[in-house]
Amino acid sequence: TKTKLDKPVDAHGEQITEAVSKVTWTADGKGIAPGYFEKF
């Protein structure tokens, strides 16, 4: 998910007007079972 910035910022000589505000992972299977972990 990207969001428009209230104030543009400079990055590598370019102005950025929007940036990623959220990343969402949704399981299409069982997900992370009890007693386990996962790295994203």
Full PDB file with SEQRES, HELIX, SHEET, SSBOND, CRYST1, ORIGX, SCALE, CONECT and MASTER records, all heavy atoms in Angstrom:
SEQRES   1 A   40  THR LYS THR LYS LEU ASP LYS PRO VAL ASP ALA HIS GLY          
SEQRES   2 A   40  GLU GLN ILE THR GLU ALA VAL SER LYS VAL THR TRP THR          
SEQRES   3 A   40  ALA ASP GLY LYS GLY ILE ALA PRO GLY TYR PHE GLU LYS          
SEQRES   4 A   40  PHE                                                          
SHEET    1 AA1 2 LYS A   2  ALA A  11  0                                        
SHEET    2 AA1 2 GLU A  14  VAL A  20 -1                                        
CRYST1    1.000    1.000    1.000  90.00  90.00  90.00 P 1           1          
ORIGX1      1.000000  0.000000  0.000000        0.00000                         
ORIGX2      0.000000  1.000000  0.000000        0.00000                         
ORIGX3      0.000000  0.000000  1.000000        0.00000                         
SCALE1      1.000000  0.000000  0.000000        0.00000                         
SCALE2      0.000000  1.000000  0.000000        0.00000                         
SCALE3      0.000000  0.000000  1.000000        0.00000                         
ATOM      1  N   THR A   1       0.838  -1.204   0.000  1.00  0.00           N  
ATOM      2  CA  THR A   1       0.000   0.000   0.000  1.00  0.00           C  
ATOM      3  C   THR A   1       0.871   1.250   0.000  1.00  0.00           C  
ATOM      4  O   THR A   1       1.790   1.372   0.824  1.00  0.00           O  
ATOM      5  CB  THR A   1      -0.924   0.035   1.231  1.00  0.00           C  
ATOM      6  OG1 THR A   1      -1.713  -1.154   1.255  1.00  0.00           O  
ATOM      7  CG2 THR A   1      -1.834   1.247   1.197  1.00  0.00           C  
ATOM      8  N   LYS A   2       0.595   2.169  -0.931  1.00  0.00           N  
ATOM      9  CA  LYS A   2       1.331   3.429  -1.004  1.00  0.00           C  
ATOM     10  C   LYS A   2       0.453   4.584  -0.552  1.00  0.00           C  
ATOM     11  O   LYS A   2      -0.761   4.564  -0.709  1.00  0.00           O  
ATOM     12  CB  LYS A   2       1.841   3.674  -2.428  1.00  0.00           C  
ATOM     13  CG  LYS A   2       2.921   2.704  -2.873  1.00  0.00           C  
ATOM     14  CD  LYS A   2       3.478   3.087  -4.235  1.00  0.00           C  
ATOM     15  CE  LYS A   2       4.613   2.163  -4.653  1.00  0.00           C  
ATOM     16  NZ  LYS A   2       5.189   2.558  -5.963  1.00  0.00           N  
ATOM     17  N   THR A   3       1.105   5.606  -0.006  1.00  0.00           N  
ATOM     18  CA  THR A   3       0.395   6.786   0.476  1.00  0.00           C  
ATOM     19  C   THR A   3       1.080   8.044  -0.043  1.00  0.00           C  
ATOM     20  O   THR A   3       2.316   8.104  -0.107  1.00  0.00           O  
ATOM     21  CB  THR A   3       0.380   6.823   2.021  1.00  0.00           C  
ATOM     22  OG1 THR A   3      -0.263   5.641   2.502  1.00  0.00           O  
ATOM     23  CG2 THR A   3      -0.353   8.047   2.529  1.00  0.00           C  
ATOM     24  N   LYS A   4       0.270   9.034  -0.419  1.00  0.00           N  
ATOM     25  CA  LYS A   4       0.821  10.298  -0.885  1.00  0.00           C  
ATOM     26  C   LYS A   4       1.404  11.052   0.306  1.00  0.00           C  
ATOM     27  O   LYS A   4       0.774  11.177   1.362  1.00  0.00           O  
ATOM     28  CB  LYS A   4      -0.266  11.132  -1.553  1.00  0.00           C  
ATOM     29  CG  LYS A   4       0.272  12.379  -2.246  1.00  0.00           C  
ATOM     30  CD  LYS A   4      -0.819  13.091  -3.032  1.00  0.00           C  
ATOM     31  CE  LYS A   4      -0.245  14.303  -3.759  1.00  0.00           C  
ATOM     32  NZ  LYS A   4      -1.292  14.994  -4.563  1.00  0.00           N  
ATOM     33  N   LEU A   5       2.614  11.549   0.135  1.00  0.00           N  
ATOM     34  CA  LEU A   5       3.299  12.238   1.224  1.00  0.00           C  
ATOM     35  C   LEU A   5       2.791  13.668   1.362  1.00  0.00           C  
ATOM     36  O   LEU A   5       2.466  14.333   0.372  1.00  0.00           O  
ATOM     37  CB  LEU A   5       4.815  12.250   0.969  1.00  0.00           C  
ATOM     38  CG  LEU A   5       5.487  10.882   0.836  1.00  0.00           C  
ATOM     39  CD1 LEU A   5       6.959  11.060   0.489  1.00  0.00           C  
ATOM     40  CD2 LEU A   5       5.341  10.078   2.120  1.00  0.00           C  
ATOM     41  N   ASP A   6       2.721  14.135   2.607  1.00  0.00           N  
ATOM     42  CA  ASP A   6       2.312  15.510   2.854  1.00  0.00           C  
ATOM     43  C   ASP A   6       3.336  16.488   2.277  1.00  0.00           C  
ATOM     44  O   ASP A   6       2.977  17.570   1.790  1.00  0.00           O  
ATOM     45  CB  ASP A   6       2.159  15.757   4.359  1.00  0.00           C  
ATOM     46  CG  ASP A   6       1.024  14.931   4.953  1.00  0.00           C  
ATOM     47  OD1 ASP A   6       0.086  14.606   4.196  1.00  0.00           O  
ATOM     48  OD2 ASP A   6       1.092  14.609   6.152  1.00  0.00           O  
ATOM     49  N   LYS A   7       4.598  16.066   2.328  1.00  0.00           N  
ATOM     50  CA  LYS A   7       5.670  16.906   1.806  1.00  0.00           C  
ATOM     51  C   LYS A   7       6.616  16.034   0.984  1.00  0.00           C  
ATOM     52  O   LYS A   7       7.150  15.047   1.495  1.00  0.00           O  
ATOM     53  CB  LYS A   7       6.434  17.569   2.954  1.00  0.00           C  
ATOM     54  CG  LYS A   7       7.533  18.516   2.500  1.00  0.00           C  
ATOM     55  CD  LYS A   7       8.238  19.133   3.703  1.00  0.00           C  
ATOM     56  CE  LYS A   7       9.360  20.062   3.250  1.00  0.00           C  
ATOM     57  NZ  LYS A   7      10.064  20.668   4.411  1.00  0.00           N  
ATOM     58  N   PRO A   8       6.835  16.349  -0.313  1.00  0.00           N  
ATOM     59  CA  PRO A   8       7.747  15.555  -1.144  1.00  0.00           C  
ATOM     60  C   PRO A   8       9.152  15.543  -0.547  1.00  0.00           C  
ATOM     61  O   PRO A   8       9.582  16.501   0.091  1.00  0.00           O  
ATOM     62  CB  PRO A   8       7.720  16.279  -2.495  1.00  0.00           C  
ATOM     63  CG  PRO A   8       6.441  17.051  -2.494  1.00  0.00           C  
ATOM     64  CD  PRO A   8       6.218  17.452  -1.068  1.00  0.00           C  
ATOM     65  N   VAL A   9       9.855  14.431  -0.768  1.00  0.00           N  
ATOM     66  CA  VAL A   9      11.233  14.308  -0.285  1.00  0.00           C  
ATOM     67  C   VAL A   9      12.145  14.017  -1.459  1.00  0.00           C  
ATOM     68  O   VAL A   9      11.727  13.474  -2.492  1.00  0.00           O  
ATOM     69  CB  VAL A   9      11.357  13.187   0.769  1.00  0.00           C  
ATOM     70  CG1 VAL A   9      10.542  13.523   1.995  1.00  0.00           C  
ATOM     71  CG2 VAL A   9      10.933  11.851   0.194  1.00  0.00           C  
ATOM     72  N   ASP A  10      13.402  14.392  -1.322  1.00  0.00           N  
ATOM     73  CA  ASP A  10      14.401  14.158  -2.366  1.00  0.00           C  
ATOM     74  C   ASP A  10      15.111  12.834  -2.114  1.00  0.00           C  
ATOM     75  O   ASP A  10      15.518  12.536  -0.984  1.00  0.00           O  
ATOM     76  CB  ASP A  10      15.428  15.292  -2.390  1.00  0.00           C  
ATOM     77  CG  ASP A  10      14.811  16.614  -2.847  1.00  0.00           C  
ATOM     78  OD1 ASP A  10      13.899  16.558  -3.692  1.00  0.00           O  
ATOM     79  OD2 ASP A  10      15.240  17.676  -2.353  1.00  0.00           O  
ATOM     80  N   ALA A  11      15.265  12.054  -3.157  1.00  0.00           N  
ATOM     81  CA  ALA A  11      15.986  10.780  -3.077  1.00  0.00           C  
ATOM     82  C   ALA A  11      16.722  10.558  -4.379  1.00  0.00           C  
ATOM     83  O   ALA A  11      16.103  10.438  -5.438  1.00  0.00           O  
ATOM     84  CB  ALA A  11      15.024   9.632  -2.788  1.00  0.00           C  
ATOM     85  N   HIS A  12      18.050  10.531  -4.295  1.00  0.00           N  
ATOM     86  CA  HIS A  12      18.895  10.311  -5.469  1.00  0.00           C  
ATOM     87  C   HIS A  12      18.590  11.329  -6.575  1.00  0.00           C  
ATOM     88  O   HIS A  12      18.531  10.999  -7.759  1.00  0.00           O  
ATOM     89  CB  HIS A  12      18.722   8.886  -6.009  1.00  0.00           C  
ATOM     90  CG  HIS A  12      19.036   7.829  -4.997  1.00  0.00           C  
ATOM     91  ND1 HIS A  12      20.314   7.558  -4.568  1.00  0.00           N  
ATOM     92  CD2 HIS A  12      18.224   6.987  -4.301  1.00  0.00           C  
ATOM     93  CE1 HIS A  12      20.287   6.587  -3.669  1.00  0.00           C  
ATOM     94  NE2 HIS A  12      19.031   6.228  -3.481  1.00  0.00           N  
ATOM     95  N   GLY A  13      18.379  12.571  -6.169  1.00  0.00           N  
ATOM     96  CA  GLY A  13      18.157  13.622  -7.149  1.00  0.00           C  
ATOM     97  C   GLY A  13      16.739  13.711  -7.670  1.00  0.00           C  
ATOM     98  O   GLY A  13      16.455  14.539  -8.539  1.00  0.00           O  
ATOM     99  N   GLU A  14      15.843  12.885  -7.168  1.00  0.00           N  
ATOM    100  CA  GLU A  14      14.455  12.906  -7.622  1.00  0.00           C  
ATOM    101  C   GLU A  14      13.520  13.182  -6.448  1.00  0.00           C  
ATOM    102  O   GLU A  14      13.801  12.805  -5.313  1.00  0.00           O  
ATOM    103  CB  GLU A  14      14.079  11.575  -8.274  1.00  0.00           C  
ATOM    104  CG  GLU A  14      14.865  11.262  -9.539  1.00  0.00           C  
ATOM    105  CD  GLU A  14      14.404   9.963 -10.175  1.00  0.00           C  
ATOM    106  OE1 GLU A  14      13.445   9.360  -9.641  1.00  0.00           O  
ATOM    107  OE2 GLU A  14      14.991   9.555 -11.190  1.00  0.00           O  
ATOM    108  N   GLN A  15      12.422  13.838  -6.752  1.00  0.00           N  
ATOM    109  CA  GLN A  15      11.422  14.105  -5.725  1.00  0.00           C  
ATOM    110  C   GLN A  15      10.422  12.959  -5.642  1.00  0.00           C  
ATOM    111  O   GLN A  15       9.890  12.515  -6.653  1.00  0.00           O  
ATOM    112  CB  GLN A  15      10.687  15.418  -6.012  1.00  0.00           C  
ATOM    113  CG  GLN A  15      11.416  16.654  -5.530  1.00  0.00           C  
ATOM    114  CD  GLN A  15      10.478  17.833  -5.356  1.00  0.00           C  
ATOM    115  OE1 GLN A  15       9.395  17.863  -5.950  1.00  0.00           O  
ATOM    116  NE2 GLN A  15      10.873  18.807  -4.545  1.00  0.00           N  
ATOM    117  N   ILE A  16      10.177  12.502  -4.428  1.00  0.00           N  
ATOM    118  CA  ILE A  16       9.221  11.420  -4.201  1.00  0.00           C  
ATOM    119  C   ILE A  16       7.966  12.017  -3.582  1.00  0.00           C  
ATOM    120  O   ILE A  16       8.021  12.694  -2.555  1.00  0.00           O  
ATOM    121  CB  ILE A  16       9.810  10.358  -3.266  1.00  0.00           C  
ATOM    122  CG1 ILE A  16      11.076   9.754  -3.876  1.00  0.00           C  
ATOM    123  CG2 ILE A  16       8.807   9.268  -2.979  1.00  0.00           C  
ATOM    124  CD1 ILE A  16      11.776   8.776  -2.969  1.00  0.00           C  
ATOM    125  N   THR A  17       6.853  11.781  -4.232  1.00  0.00           N  
ATOM    126  CA  THR A  17       5.578  12.325  -3.746  1.00  0.00           C  
ATOM    127  C   THR A  17       4.730  11.280  -3.023  1.00  0.00           C  
ATOM    128  O   THR A  17       3.779  11.628  -2.334  1.00  0.00           O  
ATOM    129  CB  THR A  17       4.770  12.911  -4.914  1.00  0.00           C  
ATOM    130  OG1 THR A  17       4.542  11.881  -5.887  1.00  0.00           O  
ATOM    131  CG2 THR A  17       5.539  14.060  -5.570  1.00  0.00           C  
ATOM    132  N   GLU A  18       5.059  10.010  -3.205  1.00  0.00           N  
ATOM    133  CA  GLU A  18       4.362   8.940  -2.497  1.00  0.00           C  
ATOM    134  C   GLU A  18       5.338   7.844  -2.107  1.00  0.00           C  
ATOM    135  O   GLU A  18       6.391   7.688  -2.727  1.00  0.00           O  
ATOM    136  CB  GLU A  18       3.235   8.352  -3.349  1.00  0.00           C  
ATOM    137  CG  GLU A  18       3.694   7.652  -4.606  1.00  0.00           C  
ATOM    138  CD  GLU A  18       2.534   6.993  -5.341  1.00  0.00           C  
ATOM    139  OE1 GLU A  18       1.374   7.264  -5.008  1.00  0.00           O  
ATOM    140  OE2 GLU A  18       2.815   6.186  -6.258  1.00  0.00           O  
ATOM    141  N   ALA A  19       5.005   7.120  -1.062  1.00  0.00           N  
ATOM    142  CA  ALA A  19       5.891   6.069  -0.562  1.00  0.00           C  
ATOM    143  C   ALA A  19       5.051   4.949   0.031  1.00  0.00           C  
ATOM    144  O   ALA A  19       3.868   5.130   0.342  1.00  0.00           O  
ATOM    145  CB  ALA A  19       6.846   6.626   0.483  1.00  0.00           C  
ATOM    146  N   VAL A  20       5.680   3.790   0.196  1.00  0.00           N  
ATOM    147  CA  VAL A  20       4.983   2.643   0.782  1.00  0.00           C  
ATOM    148  C   VAL A  20       4.692   2.924   2.252  1.00  0.00           C  
ATOM    149  O   VAL A  20       5.595   3.284   3.019  1.00  0.00           O  
ATOM    150  CB  VAL A  20       5.832   1.364   0.633  1.00  0.00           C  
ATOM    151  CG1 VAL A  20       5.202   0.217   1.409  1.00  0.00           C  
ATOM    152  CG2 VAL A  20       5.978   0.987  -0.828  1.00  0.00           C  
ATOM    153  N   SER A  21       3.451   2.784   2.630  1.00  0.00           N  
ATOM    154  CA  SER A  21       3.047   3.019   4.020  1.00  0.00           C  
ATOM    155  C   SER A  21       2.699   1.725   4.755  1.00  0.00           C  
ATOM    156  O   SER A  21       2.681   1.697   5.991  1.00  0.00           O  
ATOM    157  CB  SER A  21       1.839   3.960   4.070  1.00  0.00           C  
ATOM    158  OG  SER A  21       0.763   3.410   3.319  1.00  0.00           O  
ATOM    159  N   LYS A  22       2.432   0.656   3.991  1.00  0.00           N  
ATOM    160  CA  LYS A  22       2.073  -0.608   4.645  1.00  0.00           C  
ATOM    161  C   LYS A  22       2.279  -1.788   3.696  1.00  0.00           C  
ATOM    162  O   LYS A  22       2.058  -1.673   2.493  1.00  0.00           O  
ATOM    163  CB  LYS A  22       0.619  -0.574   5.109  1.00  0.00           C  
ATOM    164  CG  LYS A  22       0.182  -1.802   5.896  1.00  0.00           C  
ATOM    165  CD  LYS A  22      -1.176  -1.610   6.566  1.00  0.00           C  
ATOM    166  CE  LYS A  22      -2.291  -1.420   5.575  1.00  0.00           C  
ATOM    167  NZ  LYS A  22      -3.624  -1.368   6.236  1.00  0.00           N  
ATOM    168  N   VAL A  23       2.723  -2.900   4.268  1.00  0.00           N  
ATOM    169  CA  VAL A  23       2.823  -4.168   3.536  1.00  0.00           C  
ATOM    170  C   VAL A  23       2.011  -5.200   4.318  1.00  0.00           C  
ATOM    171  O   VAL A  23       2.176  -5.339   5.534  1.00  0.00           O  
ATOM    172  CB  VAL A  23       4.279  -4.642   3.378  1.00  0.00           C  
ATOM    173  CG1 VAL A  23       4.315  -5.994   2.668  1.00  0.00           C  
ATOM    174  CG2 VAL A  23       5.101  -3.624   2.597  1.00  0.00           C  
ATOM    175  N   THR A  24       1.136  -5.911   3.603  1.00  0.00           N  
ATOM    176  CA  THR A  24       0.247  -6.879   4.252  1.00  0.00           C  
ATOM    177  C   THR A  24       0.469  -8.271   3.667  1.00  0.00           C  
ATOM    178  O   THR A  24       0.442  -8.448   2.448  1.00  0.00           O  
ATOM    179  CB  THR A  24      -1.232  -6.484   4.073  1.00  0.00           C  
ATOM    180  OG1 THR A  24      -1.419  -5.150   4.566  1.00  0.00           O  
ATOM    181  CG2 THR A  24      -2.142  -7.435   4.819  1.00  0.00           C  
ATOM    182  N   TRP A  25       0.682  -9.239   4.545  1.00  0.00           N  
ATOM    183  CA  TRP A  25       0.809 -10.640   4.134  1.00  0.00           C  
ATOM    184  C   TRP A  25      -0.428 -11.385   4.640  1.00  0.00           C  
ATOM    185  O   TRP A  25      -0.726 -11.370   5.836  1.00  0.00           O  
ATOM    186  CB  TRP A  25       2.052 -11.282   4.743  1.00  0.00           C  
ATOM    187  CG  TRP A  25       3.362 -10.773   4.213  1.00  0.00           C  
ATOM    188  CD1 TRP A  25       4.126 -11.311   3.204  1.00  0.00           C  
ATOM    189  CD2 TRP A  25       4.104  -9.642   4.701  1.00  0.00           C  
ATOM    190  NE1 TRP A  25       5.274 -10.584   3.025  1.00  0.00           N  
ATOM    191  CE2 TRP A  25       5.288  -9.542   3.927  1.00  0.00           C  
ATOM    192  CE3 TRP A  25       3.874  -8.688   5.697  1.00  0.00           C  
ATOM    193  CZ2 TRP A  25       6.230  -8.557   4.132  1.00  0.00           C  
ATOM    194  CZ3 TRP A  25       4.809  -7.693   5.897  1.00  0.00           C  
ATOM    195  CH2 TRP A  25       5.972  -7.637   5.120  1.00  0.00           C  
ATOM    196  N   THR A  26      -1.138 -12.060   3.748  1.00  0.00           N  
ATOM    197  CA  THR A  26      -2.321 -12.822   4.121  1.00  0.00           C  
ATOM    198  C   THR A  26      -2.139 -14.275   3.677  1.00  0.00           C  
ATOM    199  O   THR A  26      -1.847 -14.536   2.501  1.00  0.00           O  
ATOM    200  CB  THR A  26      -3.588 -12.242   3.474  1.00  0.00           C  
ATOM    201  OG1 THR A  26      -3.703 -10.858   3.819  1.00  0.00           O  
ATOM    202  CG2 THR A  26      -4.825 -12.991   3.956  1.00  0.00           C  
ATOM    203  N   ALA A  27      -2.302 -15.194   4.592  1.00  0.00           N  
ATOM    204  CA  ALA A  27      -2.088 -16.606   4.280  1.00  0.00           C  
ATOM    205  C   ALA A  27      -3.199 -17.134   3.383  1.00  0.00           C  
ATOM    206  O   ALA A  27      -4.372 -16.856   3.605  1.00  0.00           O  
ATOM    207  CB  ALA A  27      -2.019 -17.426   5.561  1.00  0.00           C  
ATOM    208  N   ASP A  28      -2.797 -17.869   2.341  1.00  0.00           N  
ATOM    209  CA  ASP A  28      -3.797 -18.546   1.505  1.00  0.00           C  
ATOM    210  C   ASP A  28      -3.849 -20.032   1.849  1.00  0.00           C  
ATOM    211  O   ASP A  28      -4.418 -20.829   1.126  1.00  0.00           O  
ATOM    212  CB  ASP A  28      -3.502 -18.340   0.019  1.00  0.00           C  
ATOM    213  CG  ASP A  28      -2.111 -18.821  -0.370  1.00  0.00           C  
ATOM    214  OD1 ASP A  28      -1.457 -19.511   0.446  1.00  0.00           O  
ATOM    215  OD2 ASP A  28      -1.664 -18.505  -1.492  1.00  0.00           O  
ATOM    216  N   GLY A  29      -3.231 -20.370   2.964  1.00  0.00           N  
ATOM    217  CA  GLY A  29      -3.253 -21.752   3.456  1.00  0.00           C  
ATOM    218  C   GLY A  29      -3.422 -21.748   4.962  1.00  0.00           C  
ATOM    219  O   GLY A  29      -4.251 -21.023   5.507  1.00  0.00           O  
ATOM    220  N   LYS A  30      -2.599 -22.529   5.658  1.00  0.00           N  
ATOM    221  CA  LYS A  30      -2.718 -22.647   7.113  1.00  0.00           C  
ATOM    222  C   LYS A  30      -2.003 -21.531   7.862  1.00  0.00           C  
ATOM    223  O   LYS A  30      -2.245 -21.336   9.053  1.00  0.00           O  
ATOM    224  CB  LYS A  30      -2.164 -24.009   7.562  1.00  0.00           C  
ATOM    225  CG  LYS A  30      -2.971 -25.192   7.042  1.00  0.00           C  
ATOM    226  CD  LYS A  30      -2.391 -26.502   7.562  1.00  0.00           C  
ATOM    227  CE  LYS A  30      -3.204 -27.696   7.070  1.00  0.00           C  
ATOM    228  NZ  LYS A  30      -2.649 -28.982   7.558  1.00  0.00           N  
ATOM    229  N   GLY A  31      -1.099 -20.825   7.215  1.00  0.00           N  
ATOM    230  CA  GLY A  31      -0.362 -19.768   7.902  1.00  0.00           C  
ATOM    231  C   GLY A  31       0.734 -20.331   8.781  1.00  0.00           C  
ATOM    232  O   GLY A  31       1.311 -21.382   8.497  1.00  0.00           O  
ATOM    233  N   ILE A  32       1.020 -19.631   9.876  1.00  0.00           N  
ATOM    234  CA  ILE A  32       2.069 -20.069  10.806  1.00  0.00           C  
ATOM    235  C   ILE A  32       1.413 -20.901  11.907  1.00  0.00           C  
ATOM    236  O   ILE A  32       0.625 -20.390  12.707  1.00  0.00           O  
ATOM    237  CB  ILE A  32       2.802 -18.864  11.421  1.00  0.00           C  
ATOM    238  CG1 ILE A  32       3.326 -17.933  10.319  1.00  0.00           C  
ATOM    239  CG2 ILE A  32       3.959 -19.329  12.296  1.00  0.00           C  
ATOM    240  CD1 ILE A  32       3.930 -16.650  10.846  1.00  0.00           C  
ATOM    241  N   ALA A  33       1.752 -22.168  11.951  1.00  0.00           N  
ATOM    242  CA  ALA A  33       1.139 -23.085  12.916  1.00  0.00           C  
ATOM    243  C   ALA A  33       1.650 -22.813  14.331  1.00  0.00           C  
ATOM    244  O   ALA A  33       2.716 -22.224  14.524  1.00  0.00           O  
ATOM    245  CB  ALA A  33       1.443 -24.528  12.510  1.00  0.00           C  
ATOM    246  N   PRO A  34       0.910 -23.234  15.351  1.00  0.00           N  
ATOM    247  CA  PRO A  34       1.358 -23.060  16.736  1.00  0.00           C  
ATOM    248  C   PRO A  34       2.732 -23.684  16.964  1.00  0.00           C  
ATOM    249  O   PRO A  34       3.023 -24.781  16.485  1.00  0.00           O  
ATOM    250  CB  PRO A  34       0.277 -23.791  17.542  1.00  0.00           C  
ATOM    251  CG  PRO A  34      -0.954 -23.706  16.687  1.00  0.00           C  
ATOM    252  CD  PRO A  34      -0.451 -23.825  15.280  1.00  0.00           C  
ATOM    253  N   GLY A  35       3.569 -22.957  17.683  1.00  0.00           N  
ATOM    254  CA  GLY A  35       4.901 -23.459  17.991  1.00  0.00           C  
ATOM    255  C   GLY A  35       5.928 -23.201  16.914  1.00  0.00           C  
ATOM    256  O   GLY A  35       7.070 -23.664  17.026  1.00  0.00           O  
ATOM    257  N   TYR A  36       5.577 -22.443  15.879  1.00  0.00           N  
ATOM    258  CA  TYR A  36       6.508 -22.146  14.785  1.00  0.00           C  
ATOM    259  C   TYR A  36       6.617 -20.633  14.588  1.00  0.00           C  
ATOM    260  O   TYR A  36       5.829 -19.854  15.131  1.00  0.00           O  
ATOM    261  CB  TYR A  36       6.043 -22.799  13.484  1.00  0.00           C  
ATOM    262  CG  TYR A  36       6.163 -24.306  13.478  1.00  0.00           C  
ATOM    263  CD1 TYR A  36       5.150 -25.104  14.018  1.00  0.00           C  
ATOM    264  CD2 TYR A  36       7.293 -24.933  12.958  1.00  0.00           C  
ATOM    265  CE1 TYR A  36       5.257 -26.488  14.025  1.00  0.00           C  
ATOM    266  CE2 TYR A  36       7.411 -26.315  12.956  1.00  0.00           C  
ATOM    267  CZ  TYR A  36       6.391 -27.088  13.490  1.00  0.00           C  
ATOM    268  OH  TYR A  36       6.509 -28.454  13.508  1.00  0.00           O  
ATOM    269  N   PHE A  37       7.621 -20.242  13.793  1.00  0.00           N  
ATOM    270  CA  PHE A  37       7.746 -18.842  13.420  1.00  0.00           C  
ATOM    271  C   PHE A  37       8.091 -18.772  11.938  1.00  0.00           C  
ATOM    272  O   PHE A  37       8.473 -19.766  11.312  1.00  0.00           O  
ATOM    273  CB  PHE A  37       8.832 -18.132  14.242  1.00  0.00           C  
ATOM    274  CG  PHE A  37      10.244 -18.467  13.813  1.00  0.00           C  
ATOM    275  CD1 PHE A  37      10.903 -17.699  12.861  1.00  0.00           C  
ATOM    276  CD2 PHE A  37      10.924 -19.551  14.346  1.00  0.00           C  
ATOM    277  CE1 PHE A  37      12.199 -18.000  12.461  1.00  0.00           C  
ATOM    278  CE2 PHE A  37      12.213 -19.860  13.945  1.00  0.00           C  
ATOM    279  CZ  PHE A  37      12.853 -19.092  13.002  1.00  0.00           C  
ATOM    280  N   GLU A  38       7.964 -17.583  11.387  1.00  0.00           N  
ATOM    281  CA  GLU A  38       8.297 -17.381   9.977  1.00  0.00           C  
ATOM    282  C   GLU A  38       8.875 -15.986   9.793  1.00  0.00           C  
ATOM    283  O   GLU A  38       8.543 -15.053  10.535  1.00  0.00           O  
ATOM    284  CB  GLU A  38       7.059 -17.561   9.095  1.00  0.00           C  
ATOM    285  CG  GLU A  38       7.401 -17.735   7.619  1.00  0.00           C  
ATOM    286  CD  GLU A  38       6.299 -18.447   6.832  1.00  0.00           C  
ATOM    287  OE1 GLU A  38       5.338 -18.931   7.466  1.00  0.00           O  
ATOM    288  OE2 GLU A  38       6.423 -18.532   5.615  1.00  0.00           O  
ATOM    289  N   LYS A  39       9.784 -15.859   8.811  1.00  0.00           N  
ATOM    290  CA  LYS A  39      10.391 -14.568   8.504  1.00  0.00           C  
ATOM    291  C   LYS A  39       9.803 -14.022   7.203  1.00  0.00           C  
ATOM    292  O   LYS A  39       9.660 -14.761   6.233  1.00  0.00           O  
ATOM    293  CB  LYS A  39      11.912 -14.692   8.382  1.00  0.00           C  
ATOM    294  CG  LYS A  39      12.619 -15.024   9.684  1.00  0.00           C  
ATOM    295  CD  LYS A  39      14.118 -15.111   9.482  1.00  0.00           C  
ATOM    296  CE  LYS A  39      14.840 -15.420  10.779  1.00  0.00           C  
ATOM    297  NZ  LYS A  39      16.314 -15.506  10.585  1.00  0.00           N  
ATOM    298  N   PHE A  40       9.534 -12.728   7.207  1.00  0.00           N  
ATOM    299  CA  PHE A  40       8.965 -12.052   6.043  1.00  0.00           C  
ATOM    300  C   PHE A  40       9.993 -11.028   5.538  1.00  0.00           C  
ATOM    301  O   PHE A  40      10.098  -9.933   6.098  1.00  0.00           O  
ATOM    302  CB  PHE A  40       7.651 -11.377   6.417  1.00  0.00           C  
ATOM    303  CG  PHE A  40       6.578 -12.340   6.877  1.00  0.00           C  
ATOM    304  CD1 PHE A  40       6.585 -12.860   8.165  1.00  0.00           C  
ATOM    305  CD2 PHE A  40       5.565 -12.735   6.012  1.00  0.00           C  
ATOM    306  CE1 PHE A  40       5.607 -13.749   8.585  1.00  0.00           C  
ATOM    307  CE2 PHE A  40       4.578 -13.638   6.416  1.00  0.00           C  
ATOM    308  CZ  PHE A  40       4.602 -14.143   7.703  1.00  0.00           C  
TER     309      PHE A  40                                                      
MASTER        0    0    0    0    2    0    0    6  308    1    0    4          
END                                                                             
